[in-house]
Amino acid sequence: SETTVKGHFVSTNPIINQIQHNVQWGQLGNSMSLPTDCPQRDERKGWMGDAALTVNEALYNFDLI
């Protein structure tokens, strides 16, 4: 599903910037109209366990409301 990035974070530390990039990339890869466990398997059902842990990050980074 199409998700719009709305949050922006830049640090002077390139490692922190890479972590932020990886977090956004991982979140986008696991959002297929609903949160999934992992994108590499043929997921037919959503998985809310990880979504409950990452909801604050997802709402900051993406336009999900």
Protein backbone atom coordinates (compact mmCIF):
# COMPACT_ATOMS: atom_id res chain seq x y z
CA SER A 1 0.00 0.00 0.00
CA GLU A 2 1.11 3.55 -0.58
CA THR A 3 2.50 5.25 2.51
CA THR A 4 3.69 8.84 2.65
CA VAL A 5 6.79 9.71 4.65
CA LYS A 6 6.06 12.73 6.84
CA GLY A 7 8.71 12.65 9.57
CA HIS A 8 12.25 13.82 8.98
CA PHE A 9 15.27 13.26 11.17
CA VAL A 10 18.90 14.17 10.51
CA SER A 11 21.78 13.88 12.93
CA THR A 12 25.44 14.80 12.72
CA ASN A 13 26.17 11.14 13.46
CA PRO A 14 26.09 9.05 10.25
CA ILE A 15 25.40 5.85 12.21
CA ILE A 16 22.24 7.35 13.74
CA ASN A 17 21.17 8.57 10.29
CA GLN A 18 21.63 5.04 8.91
CA ILE A 19 19.61 3.56 11.77
CA GLN A 20 16.76 6.00 11.02
CA HIS A 21 16.92 5.08 7.34
CA ASN A 22 16.83 1.36 8.21
CA VAL A 23 13.85 1.86 10.54
CA GLN A 24 11.87 3.63 7.81
CA TRP A 25 12.84 1.04 5.19
CA GLY A 26 11.84 -1.83 7.48
CA GLN A 27 8.54 -0.21 8.36
CA LEU A 28 7.69 0.34 4.69
CA GLY A 29 8.65 -3.25 3.86
CA ASN A 30 6.29 -4.61 6.49
CA SER A 31 3.28 -2.42 5.65
CA MET A 32 1.06 -4.17 3.12
CA SER A 33 -2.25 -2.40 3.85
CA LEU A 34 -1.82 -3.82 7.35
CA PRO A 35 1.25 -4.63 9.45
CA THR A 36 2.86 -7.99 8.60
CA ASP A 37 5.34 -10.23 10.38
CA CYS A 38 7.91 -10.22 7.59
CA PRO A 39 7.63 -9.44 3.86
CA GLN A 40 9.68 -12.40 2.56
CA ARG A 41 7.06 -15.02 3.45
CA ASP A 42 3.67 -15.28 1.78
CA GLU A 43 1.79 -13.50 4.57
CA ARG A 44 -1.97 -13.73 4.34
CA LYS A 45 -2.81 -12.38 7.76
CA GLY A 46 -1.68 -9.30 9.60
CA TRP A 47 0.55 -9.39 12.65
CA MET A 48 -0.12 -6.78 15.33
CA GLY A 49 2.52 -7.91 17.85
CA ASP A 50 5.34 -5.87 16.33
CA ALA A 51 3.00 -3.04 15.35
CA ALA A 52 2.15 -2.48 19.00
CA LEU A 53 5.84 -1.96 19.73
CA THR A 54 6.54 0.35 16.80
CA VAL A 55 3.37 2.45 16.66
CA ASN A 56 5.07 5.61 17.98
CA GLU A 57 7.86 5.37 15.40
CA ALA A 58 5.39 4.65 12.60
CA LEU A 59 3.16 7.61 13.47
CA TYR A 60 6.18 9.93 13.64
CA ASN A 61 7.69 8.76 10.35
CA PHE A 62 4.62 8.17 8.18
CA ASP A 63 1.20 9.63 7.45
CA LEU A 64 -0.81 6.73 8.88
CA ILE A 65 -3.75 8.56 10.42
